[in-house]
């Protein structure tokens, strides 16, 4: 009986810990490139900085610009920063 309760408790704790890791944001920040399919991720503090569209445009300049429909920014809970994921436009690239 004791062993069965311990198994259930362990299972419950495992599920809770997995859920807490799933809620953590991916903290890797990167610039767009061919290898990551022209996507980028950056962080900014809305209290100190303006929306980083100019920085995104600059980083996507070599890929014909930013695809504004692909920008997604999310404020991080427990932190003062927002993380923006974006994708560069490839409308004018011809192989």
PDB file of N, CA and C in Angstrom:
ATOM      1  N   UNK A   1       0.827  -1.190   0.000  1.00  0.00           N
ATOM      2  CA  UNK A   1       0.000   0.000   0.000  1.00  0.00           C
ATOM      3  C   UNK A   1       0.881   1.266   0.000  1.00  0.00           C
ATOM      4  N   UNK A   2       1.890   1.279   0.867  1.00  0.00           N
ATOM      5  CA  UNK A   2       2.800   2.419   0.951  1.00  0.00           C
ATOM      6  C   UNK A   2       3.524   2.611  -0.377  1.00  0.00           C
ATOM      7  N   UNK A   3       3.971   1.512  -0.970  1.00  0.00           N
ATOM      8  CA  UNK A   3       4.689   1.564  -2.235  1.00  0.00           C
ATOM      9  C   UNK A   3       3.800   2.123  -3.352  1.00  0.00           C
ATOM     10  N   UNK A   4       2.541   1.759  -3.354  1.00  0.00           N
ATOM     11  CA  UNK A   4       1.595   2.253  -4.361  1.00  0.00           C
ATOM     12  C   UNK A   4       1.386   3.766  -4.224  1.00  0.00           C
ATOM     13  N   UNK A   5       1.288   4.256  -3.002  1.00  0.00           N
ATOM     14  CA  UNK A   5       1.127   5.695  -2.775  1.00  0.00           C
ATOM     15  C   UNK A   5       2.368   6.458  -3.229  1.00  0.00           C
ATOM     16  N   UNK A   6       3.525   5.891  -2.984  1.00  0.00           N
ATOM     17  CA  UNK A   6       4.775   6.539  -3.394  1.00  0.00           C
ATOM     18  C   UNK A   6       4.865   6.622  -4.924  1.00  0.00           C
ATOM     19  N   UNK A   7       4.421   5.581  -5.606  1.00  0.00           N
ATOM     20  CA  UNK A   7       4.429   5.595  -7.069  1.00  0.00           C
ATOM     21  C   UNK A   7       3.520   6.705  -7.600  1.00  0.00           C
ATOM     22  N   UNK A   8       2.349   6.831  -7.005  1.00  0.00           N
ATOM     23  CA  UNK A   8       1.407   7.863  -7.438  1.00  0.00           C
ATOM     24  C   UNK A   8       1.957   9.257  -7.158  1.00  0.00           C
ATOM     25  N   UNK A   9       2.574   9.429  -5.993  1.00  0.00           N
ATOM     26  CA  UNK A   9       3.167  10.714  -5.646  1.00  0.00           C
ATOM     27  C   UNK A   9       4.300  11.064  -6.613  1.00  0.00           C
ATOM     28  N   UNK A  10       5.140  10.093  -6.911  1.00  0.00           N
ATOM     29  CA  UNK A  10       6.241  10.313  -7.845  1.00  0.00           C
ATOM     30  C   UNK A  10       5.710  10.691  -9.229  1.00  0.00           C
ATOM     31  N   UNK A  11       4.681   9.997  -9.688  1.00  0.00           N
ATOM     32  CA  UNK A  11       4.081  10.303 -10.981  1.00  0.00           C
ATOM     33  C   UNK A  11       3.512  11.724 -10.999  1.00  0.00           C
ATOM     34  N   UNK A  12       2.831  12.104  -9.946  1.00  0.00           N
ATOM     35  CA  UNK A  12       2.263  13.444  -9.848  1.00  0.00           C
ATOM     36  C   UNK A  12       3.357  14.511  -9.871  1.00  0.00           C
ATOM     37  N   UNK A  13       4.406  14.307  -9.101  1.00  0.00           N
ATOM     38  CA  UNK A  13       5.514  15.268  -9.076  1.00  0.00           C
ATOM     39  C   UNK A  13       6.211  15.354 -10.435  1.00  0.00           C
ATOM     40  N   UNK A  14       6.332  14.236 -11.110  1.00  0.00           N
ATOM     41  CA  UNK A  14       6.946  14.231 -12.443  1.00  0.00           C
ATOM     42  C   UNK A  14       6.117  15.041 -13.428  1.00  0.00           C
ATOM     43  N   UNK A  15       4.813  14.849 -13.388  1.00  0.00           N
ATOM     44  CA  UNK A  15       3.937  15.599 -14.289  1.00  0.00           C
ATOM     45  C   UNK A  15       3.993  17.097 -14.014  1.00  0.00           C
ATOM     46  N   UNK A  16       4.034  17.464 -12.760  1.00  0.00           N
ATOM     47  CA  UNK A  16       4.113  18.883 -12.398  1.00  0.00           C
ATOM     48  C   UNK A  16       5.430  19.485 -12.885  1.00  0.00           C
ATOM     49  N   UNK A  17       6.526  18.777 -12.708  1.00  0.00           N
ATOM     50  CA  UNK A  17       7.824  19.314 -13.128  1.00  0.00           C
ATOM     51  C   UNK A  17       7.912  19.417 -14.646  1.00  0.00           C
ATOM     52  N   UNK A  18       7.352  18.456 -15.361  1.00  0.00           N
ATOM     53  CA  UNK A  18       7.352  18.519 -16.824  1.00  0.00           C
ATOM     54  C   UNK A  18       6.550  19.726 -17.288  1.00  0.00           C
ATOM     55  N   UNK A  19       5.418  19.967 -16.670  1.00  0.00           N
ATOM     56  CA  UNK A  19       4.585  21.108 -17.045  1.00  0.00           C
ATOM     57  C   UNK A  19       5.302  22.426 -16.779  1.00  0.00           C
ATOM     58  N   UNK A  20       6.037  22.508 -15.687  1.00  0.00           N
ATOM     59  CA  UNK A  20       6.741  23.759 -15.390  1.00  0.00           C
ATOM     60  C   UNK A  20       7.850  24.014 -16.400  1.00  0.00           C
ATOM     61  N   UNK A  21       8.522  22.967 -16.865  1.00  0.00           N
ATOM     62  CA  UNK A  21       9.535  23.150 -17.898  1.00  0.00           C
ATOM     63  C   UNK A  21       8.902  23.538 -19.223  1.00  0.00           C
ATOM     64  N   UNK A  22       7.733  23.026 -19.513  1.00  0.00           N
ATOM     65  CA  UNK A  22       7.054  23.346 -20.768  1.00  0.00           C
ATOM     66  C   UNK A  22       6.645  24.811 -20.815  1.00  0.00           C
ATOM     67  N   UNK A  23       6.419  25.431 -19.679  1.00  0.00           N
ATOM     68  CA  UNK A  23       6.015  26.831 -19.643  1.00  0.00           C
ATOM     69  C   UNK A  23       7.187  27.793 -19.756  1.00  0.00           C
ATOM     70  N   UNK A  24       8.407  27.299 -19.615  1.00  0.00           N
ATOM     71  CA  UNK A  24       9.581  28.153 -19.712  1.00  0.00           C
ATOM     72  C   UNK A  24       9.797  28.558 -21.166  1.00  0.00           C
ATOM     73  N   UNK A  25      10.041  29.828 -21.435  1.00  0.00           N
ATOM     74  CA  UNK A  25      10.281  30.247 -22.815  1.00  0.00           C
ATOM     75  C   UNK A  25      11.643  29.773 -23.299  1.00  0.00           C
ATOM     76  N   UNK A  26      11.746  29.585 -24.573  1.00  0.00           N
ATOM     77  CA  UNK A  26      13.017  29.232 -25.177  1.00  0.00           C
ATOM     78  C   UNK A  26      13.883  30.488 -25.142  1.00  0.00           C
ATOM     79  N   UNK A  27      14.987  30.429 -24.433  1.00  0.00           N
ATOM     80  CA  UNK A  27      15.772  31.644 -24.209  1.00  0.00           C
ATOM     81  C   UNK A  27      16.886  31.840 -25.229  1.00  0.00           C
ATOM     82  N   UNK A  28      16.922  31.025 -26.269  1.00  0.00           N
ATOM     83  CA  UNK A  28      17.953  31.208 -27.289  1.00  0.00           C
ATOM     84  C   UNK A  28      17.574  32.375 -28.197  1.00  0.00           C
ATOM     85  N   UNK A  29      18.524  33.252 -28.442  1.00  0.00           N
ATOM     86  CA  UNK A  29      18.308  34.371 -29.342  1.00  0.00           C
ATOM     87  C   UNK A  29      19.238  34.190 -30.520  1.00  0.00           C
ATOM     88  N   UNK A  30      18.727  34.437 -31.705  1.00  0.00           N
ATOM     89  CA  UNK A  30      19.536  34.204 -32.885  1.00  0.00           C
ATOM     90  C   UNK A  30      19.122  35.137 -34.012  1.00  0.00           C
ATOM     91  N   UNK A  31      20.033  35.278 -34.958  1.00  0.00           N
ATOM     92  CA  UNK A  31      19.797  36.110 -36.131  1.00  0.00           C
ATOM     93  C   UNK A  31      19.355  35.219 -37.284  1.00  0.00           C
ATOM     94  N   UNK A  32      18.612  35.779 -38.227  1.00  0.00           N
ATOM     95  CA  UNK A  32      18.149  34.975 -39.357  1.00  0.00           C
ATOM     96  C   UNK A  32      19.301  34.516 -40.245  1.00  0.00           C
ATOM     97  N   UNK A  33      19.154  33.321 -40.787  1.00  0.00           N
ATOM     98  CA  UNK A  33      20.142  32.773 -41.713  1.00  0.00           C
ATOM     99  C   UNK A  33      19.467  31.715 -42.580  1.00  0.00           C
ATOM    100  N   UNK A  34      20.177  31.244 -43.569  1.00  0.00           N
ATOM    101  CA  UNK A  34      19.646  30.197 -44.435  1.00  0.00           C
ATOM    102  C   UNK A  34      19.397  28.930 -43.619  1.00  0.00           C
ATOM    103  N   UNK A  35      20.308  28.610 -42.704  1.00  0.00           N
ATOM    104  CA  UNK A  35      20.194  27.366 -41.933  1.00  0.00           C
ATOM    105  C   UNK A  35      18.991  27.334 -40.993  1.00  0.00           C
ATOM    106  N   UNK A  36      18.504  28.491 -40.533  1.00  0.00           N
ATOM    107  CA  UNK A  36      17.318  28.487 -39.657  1.00  0.00           C
ATOM    108  C   UNK A  36      16.082  29.017 -40.383  1.00  0.00           C
ATOM    109  N   UNK A  37      16.099  28.901 -41.706  1.00  0.00           N
ATOM    110  CA  UNK A  37      14.960  29.279 -42.559  1.00  0.00           C
ATOM    111  C   UNK A  37      14.579  30.751 -42.421  1.00  0.00           C
ATOM    112  N   UNK A  38      15.595  31.611 -42.282  1.00  0.00           N
ATOM    113  CA  UNK A  38      15.421  33.066 -42.285  1.00  0.00           C
ATOM    114  C   UNK A  38      14.609  33.579 -41.100  1.00  0.00           C
ATOM    115  N   UNK A  39      14.666  32.866 -39.987  1.00  0.00           N
ATOM    116  CA  UNK A  39      13.939  33.273 -38.790  1.00  0.00           C
ATOM    117  C   UNK A  39      14.906  33.849 -37.764  1.00  0.00           C
ATOM    118  N   UNK A  40      14.396  34.721 -36.904  1.00  0.00           N
ATOM    119  CA  UNK A  40      15.212  35.303 -35.851  1.00  0.00           C
ATOM    120  C   UNK A  40      14.416  35.450 -34.575  1.00  0.00           C
ATOM    121  N   UNK A  41      15.130  35.641 -33.485  1.00  0.00           N
ATOM    122  CA  UNK A  41      14.494  35.864 -32.186  1.00  0.00           C
ATOM    123  C   UNK A  41      15.350  36.864 -31.431  1.00  0.00           C
ATOM    124  N   UNK A  42      14.687  37.874 -30.872  1.00  0.00           N
ATOM    125  CA  UNK A  42      15.401  38.859 -30.064  1.00  0.00           C
ATOM    126  C   UNK A  42      14.526  39.294 -28.905  1.00  0.00           C
ATOM    127  N   UNK A  43      15.163  39.921 -27.930  1.00  0.00           N
ATOM    128  CA  UNK A  43      14.448  40.380 -26.733  1.00  0.00           C
ATOM    129  C   UNK A  43      14.595  41.886 -26.610  1.00  0.00           C
ATOM    130  N   UNK A  44      13.600  42.483 -25.983  1.00  0.00           N
ATOM    131  CA  UNK A  44      13.690  43.913 -25.686  1.00  0.00           C
ATOM    132  C   UNK A  44      12.872  44.218 -24.448  1.00  0.00           C
ATOM    133  N   UNK A  45      13.225  45.305 -23.801  1.00  0.00           N
ATOM    134  CA  UNK A  45      12.526  45.763 -22.605  1.00  0.00           C
ATOM    135  C   UNK A  45      11.611  46.910 -23.017  1.00  0.00           C
ATOM    136  N   UNK A  46      10.286  46.700 -23.043  1.00  0.00           N
ATOM    137  CA  UNK A  46       9.368  47.755 -23.480  1.00  0.00           C
ATOM    138  C   UNK A  46       9.448  49.029 -22.643  1.00  0.00           C
ATOM    139  N   UNK A  47       9.895  48.928 -21.404  1.00  0.00           N
ATOM    140  CA  UNK A  47      10.009  50.113 -20.554  1.00  0.00           C
ATOM    141  C   UNK A  47      11.201  50.984 -20.954  1.00  0.00           C
ATOM    142  N   UNK A  48      12.218  50.373 -21.560  1.00  0.00           N
ATOM    143  CA  UNK A  48      13.439  51.100 -21.904  1.00  0.00           C
ATOM    144  C   UNK A  48      13.626  51.310 -23.406  1.00  0.00           C
ATOM    145  N   UNK A  49      13.074  50.418 -24.214  1.00  0.00           N
ATOM    146  CA  UNK A  49      13.305  50.466 -25.650  1.00  0.00           C
ATOM    147  C   UNK A  49      11.993  50.515 -26.418  1.00  0.00           C
ATOM    148  N   UNK A  50      12.070  51.078 -27.617  1.00  0.00           N
ATOM    149  CA  UNK A  50      10.933  51.039 -28.522  1.00  0.00           C
ATOM    150  C   UNK A  50      10.820  49.645 -29.128  1.00  0.00           C
ATOM    151  N   UNK A  51       9.680  49.378 -29.725  1.00  0.00           N
ATOM    152  CA  UNK A  51       9.468  48.127 -30.450  1.00  0.00           C
ATOM    153  C   UNK A  51      10.612  47.945 -31.444  1.00  0.00           C
ATOM    154  N   UNK A  52      11.262  46.783 -31.505  1.00  0.00           N
ATOM    155  CA  UNK A  52      12.517  46.629 -32.257  1.00  0.00           C
ATOM    156  C   UNK A  52      12.370  46.390 -33.760  1.00  0.00           C
ATOM    157  N   UNK A  53      11.402  46.994 -34.401  1.00  0.00           N
ATOM    158  CA  UNK A  53      11.199  46.762 -35.835  1.00  0.00           C
ATOM    159  C   UNK A  53      12.405  47.198 -36.661  1.00  0.00           C
ATOM    160  N   UNK A  54      13.062  48.288 -36.277  1.00  0.00           N
ATOM    161  CA  UNK A  54      14.230  48.755 -37.041  1.00  0.00           C
ATOM    162  C   UNK A  54      15.370  47.743 -36.966  1.00  0.00           C
ATOM    163  N   UNK A  55      15.564  47.158 -35.802  1.00  0.00           N
ATOM    164  CA  UNK A  55      16.608  46.137 -35.656  1.00  0.00           C
ATOM    165  C   UNK A  55      16.275  44.904 -36.496  1.00  0.00           C
ATOM    166  N   UNK A  56      15.007  44.518 -36.500  1.00  0.00           N
ATOM    167  CA  UNK A  56      14.580  43.377 -37.321  1.00  0.00           C
ATOM    168  C   UNK A  56      14.797  43.667 -38.801  1.00  0.00           C
ATOM    169  N   UNK A  57      14.453  44.882 -39.226  1.00  0.00           N
ATOM    170  CA  UNK A  57      14.656  45.268 -40.628  1.00  0.00           C
ATOM    171  C   UNK A  57      16.131  45.176 -41.002  1.00  0.00           C
ATOM    172  N   UNK A  58      16.984  45.662 -40.110  1.00  0.00           N
ATOM    173  CA  UNK A  58      18.424  45.641 -40.365  1.00  0.00           C
ATOM    174  C   UNK A  58      18.931  44.204 -40.485  1.00  0.00           C
ATOM    175  N   UNK A  59      18.474  43.330 -39.588  1.00  0.00           N
ATOM    176  CA  UNK A  59      18.919  41.940 -39.613  1.00  0.00           C
ATOM    177  C   UNK A  59      18.395  41.186 -40.839  1.00  0.00           C
ATOM    178  N   UNK A  60      17.272  41.626 -41.389  1.00  0.00           N
ATOM    179  CA  UNK A  60      16.682  40.966 -42.557  1.00  0.00           C
ATOM    180  C   UNK A  60      17.043  41.648 -43.875  1.00  0.00           C
ATOM    181  N   UNK A  61      17.848  42.675 -43.810  1.00  0.00           N
ATOM    182  CA  UNK A  61      18.175  43.453 -45.002  1.00  0.00           C
ATOM    183  C   UNK A  61      18.731  42.588 -46.135  1.00  0.00           C
ATOM    184  N   UNK A  62      19.586  41.644 -45.812  1.00  0.00           N
ATOM    185  CA  UNK A  62      20.196  40.795 -46.840  1.00  0.00           C
ATOM    186  C   UNK A  62      19.212  39.794 -47.445  1.00  0.00           C
ATOM    187  N   UNK A  63      18.052  39.625 -46.831  1.00  0.00           N
ATOM    188  CA  UNK A  63      17.039  38.688 -47.328  1.00  0.00           C
ATOM    189  C   UNK A  63      15.813  39.420 -47.867  1.00  0.00           C
ATOM    190  N   UNK A  64      15.935  40.595 -48.345  1.00  0.00           N
ATOM    191  CA  UNK A  64      14.902  41.456 -48.947  1.00  0.00           C
ATOM    192  C   UNK A  64      13.954  42.085 -47.945  1.00  0.00           C
ATOM    193  N   UNK A  65      14.222  42.009 -46.662  1.00  0.00           N
ATOM    194  CA  UNK A  65      13.404  42.717 -45.680  1.00  0.00           C
ATOM    195  C   UNK A  65      12.653  41.811 -44.727  1.00  0.00           C
ATOM    196  N   UNK A  66      11.887  42.451 -43.855  1.00  0.00           N
ATOM    197  CA  UNK A  66      11.136  41.741 -42.816  1.00  0.00           C
ATOM    198  C   UNK A  66       9.726  41.428 -43.320  1.00  0.00           C
ATOM    199  N   UNK A  67       9.218  40.272 -42.961  1.00  0.00           N
ATOM    200  CA  UNK A  67       7.829  39.915 -43.253  1.00  0.00           C
ATOM    201  C   UNK A  67       7.025  40.287 -42.010  1.00  0.00           C
ATOM    202  N   UNK A  68       6.393  41.446 -42.030  1.00  0.00           N
ATOM    203  CA  UNK A  68       5.724  41.956 -40.823  1.00  0.00           C
ATOM    204  C   UNK A  68       4.572  41.075 -40.363  1.00  0.00           C
ATOM    205  N   UNK A  69       4.014  40.277 -41.246  1.00  0.00           N
ATOM    206  CA  UNK A  69       2.934  39.366 -40.846  1.00  0.00           C
ATOM    207  C   UNK A  69       3.458  38.206 -40.005  1.00  0.00           C
ATOM    208  N   UNK A  70       4.763  37.997 -40.017  1.00  0.00           N
ATOM    209  CA  UNK A  70       5.362  36.872 -39.296  1.00  0.00           C
ATOM    210  C   UNK A  70       5.960  37.269 -37.942  1.00  0.00           C
ATOM    211  N   UNK A  71       5.765  38.494 -37.495  1.00  0.00           N
ATOM    212  CA  UNK A  71       6.323  38.940 -36.216  1.00  0.00           C
ATOM    213  C   UNK A  71       5.370  38.565 -35.088  1.00  0.00           C
ATOM    214  N   UNK A  72       5.926  37.905 -34.073  1.00  0.00           N
ATOM    215  CA  UNK A  72       5.136  37.548 -32.890  1.00  0.00           C
ATOM    216  C   UNK A  72       5.946  37.908 -31.653  1.00  0.00           C
ATOM    217  N   UNK A  73       5.432  38.820 -30.848  1.00  0.00           N
ATOM    218  CA  UNK A  73       6.108  39.227 -29.619  1.00  0.00           C
ATOM    219  C   UNK A  73       5.269  38.796 -28.425  1.00  0.00           C
ATOM    220  N   UNK A  74       5.952  38.346 -27.386  1.00  0.00           N
ATOM    221  CA  UNK A  74       5.254  37.876 -26.194  1.00  0.00           C
ATOM    222  C   UNK A  74       5.991  38.361 -24.951  1.00  0.00           C
ATOM    223  N   UNK A  75       5.251  38.982 -24.055  1.00  0.00           N
ATOM    224  CA  UNK A  75       5.829  39.434 -22.785  1.00  0.00           C
ATOM    225  C   UNK A  75       6.081  38.220 -21.911  1.00  0.00           C
ATOM    226  N   UNK A  76       7.237  38.180 -21.312  1.00  0.00           N
ATOM    227  CA  UNK A  76       7.601  37.060 -20.459  1.00  0.00           C
ATOM    228  C   UNK A  76       7.062  37.266 -19.055  1.00  0.00           C
ATOM    229  N   UNK A  77       6.419  36.253 -18.532  1.00  0.00           N
ATOM    230  CA  UNK A  77       5.914  36.354 -17.164  1.00  0.00           C
ATOM    231  C   UNK A  77       7.097  36.376 -16.207  1.00  0.00           C
ATOM    232  N   UNK A  78       6.959  37.096 -15.140  1.00  0.00           N
ATOM    233  CA  UNK A  78       7.993  37.246 -14.102  1.00  0.00           C
ATOM    234  C   UNK A  78       9.218  38.015 -14.582  1.00  0.00           C
ATOM    235  N   UNK A  79       9.190  38.550 -15.780  1.00  0.00           N
ATOM    236  CA  UNK A  79      10.331  39.305 -16.294  1.00  0.00           C
ATOM    237  C   UNK A  79       9.808  40.575 -16.940  1.00  0.00           C
ATOM    238  N   UNK A  80      10.697  41.530 -17.129  1.00  0.00           N
ATOM    239  CA  UNK A  80      10.299  42.803 -17.727  1.00  0.00           C
ATOM    240  C   UNK A  80      10.557  42.843 -19.224  1.00  0.00           C
ATOM    241  N   UNK A  81      10.950  41.726 -19.808  1.00  0.00           N
ATOM    242  CA  UNK A  81      11.284  41.728 -21.228  1.00  0.00           C
ATOM    243  C   UNK A  81      10.195  41.071 -22.069  1.00  0.00           C
ATOM    244  N   UNK A  82      10.250  41.377 -23.341  1.00  0.00           N
ATOM    245  CA  UNK A  82       9.411  40.709 -24.330  1.00  0.00           C
ATOM    246  C   UNK A  82      10.338  40.023 -25.320  1.00  0.00           C
ATOM    247  N   UNK A  83       9.909  38.889 -25.826  1.00  0.00           N
ATOM    248  CA  UNK A  83      10.675  38.161 -26.825  1.00  0.00           C
ATOM    249  C   UNK A  83       9.899  38.205 -28.132  1.00  0.00           C
ATOM    250  N   UNK A  84      10.584  38.622 -29.184  1.00  0.00           N
ATOM    251  CA  UNK A  84       9.966  38.700 -30.509  1.00  0.00           C
ATOM    252  C   UNK A  84      10.590  37.656 -31.426  1.00  0.00           C
ATOM    253  N   UNK A  85       9.730  36.894 -32.067  1.00  0.00           N
ATOM    254  CA  UNK A  85      10.156  35.974 -33.109  1.00  0.00           C
ATOM    255  C   UNK A  85       9.710  36.582 -34.427  1.00  0.00           C
ATOM    256  N   UNK A  86      10.560  36.521 -35.423  1.00  0.00           N
ATOM    257  CA  UNK A  86      10.247  37.148 -36.701  1.00  0.00           C
ATOM    258  C   UNK A  86      10.823  36.328 -37.838  1.00  0.00           C
ATOM    259  N   UNK A  87      10.365  36.614 -39.027  1.00  0.00           N
ATOM    260  CA  UNK A  87      10.837  35.907 -40.211  1.00  0.00           C
ATOM    261  C   UNK A  87      11.096  36.924 -41.315  1.00  0.00           C
ATOM    262  N   UNK A  88      12.173  36.716 -42.021  1.00  0.00           N
ATOM    263  CA  UNK A  88      12.518  37.615 -43.117  1.00  0.00           C
ATOM    264  C   UNK A  88      11.696  37.273 -44.354  1.00  0.00           C
ATOM    265  N   UNK A  89      11.428  38.296 -45.129  1.00  0.00           N
ATOM    266  CA  UNK A  89      10.669  38.143 -46.371  1.00  0.00           C
ATOM    267  C   UNK A  89      11.588  37.626 -47.468  1.00  0.00           C
ATOM    268  N   UNK A  90      11.065  36.752 -48.286  1.00  0.00           N
ATOM    269  CA  UNK A  90      11.841  36.241 -49.417  1.00  0.00           C
ATOM    270  C   UNK A  90      11.108  36.495 -50.726  1.00  0.00           C
ATOM    271  N   UNK A  91      10.211  37.460 -50.733  1.00  0.00           N
ATOM    272  CA  UNK A  91       9.350  37.679 -51.892  1.00  0.00           C
ATOM    273  C   UNK A  91      10.110  37.983 -53.174  1.00  0.00           C
ATOM    274  N   UNK A  92      11.255  38.626 -53.062  1.00  0.00           N
ATOM    275  CA  UNK A  92      11.933  39.058 -54.277  1.00  0.00           C
ATOM    276  C   UNK A  92      13.145  38.208 -54.615  1.00  0.00           C
ATOM    277  N   UNK A  93      13.406  37.162 -53.848  1.00  0.00           N
ATOM    278  CA  UNK A  93      14.549  36.306 -54.152  1.00  0.00           C
ATOM    279  C   UNK A  93      14.195  35.353 -55.288  1.00  0.00           C
ATOM    280  N   UNK A  94      15.086  35.235 -56.233  1.00  0.00           N
ATOM    281  CA  UNK A  94      14.882  34.326 -57.359  1.00  0.00           C
ATOM    282  C   UNK A  94      16.122  33.460 -57.468  1.00  0.00           C
ATOM    283  N   UNK A  95      15.917  32.158 -57.537  1.00  0.00           N
ATOM    284  CA  UNK A  95      17.068  31.242 -57.677  1.00  0.00           C
ATOM    285  C   UNK A  95      17.448  31.056 -59.122  1.00  0.00           C
TER     286      UNK A  95
END
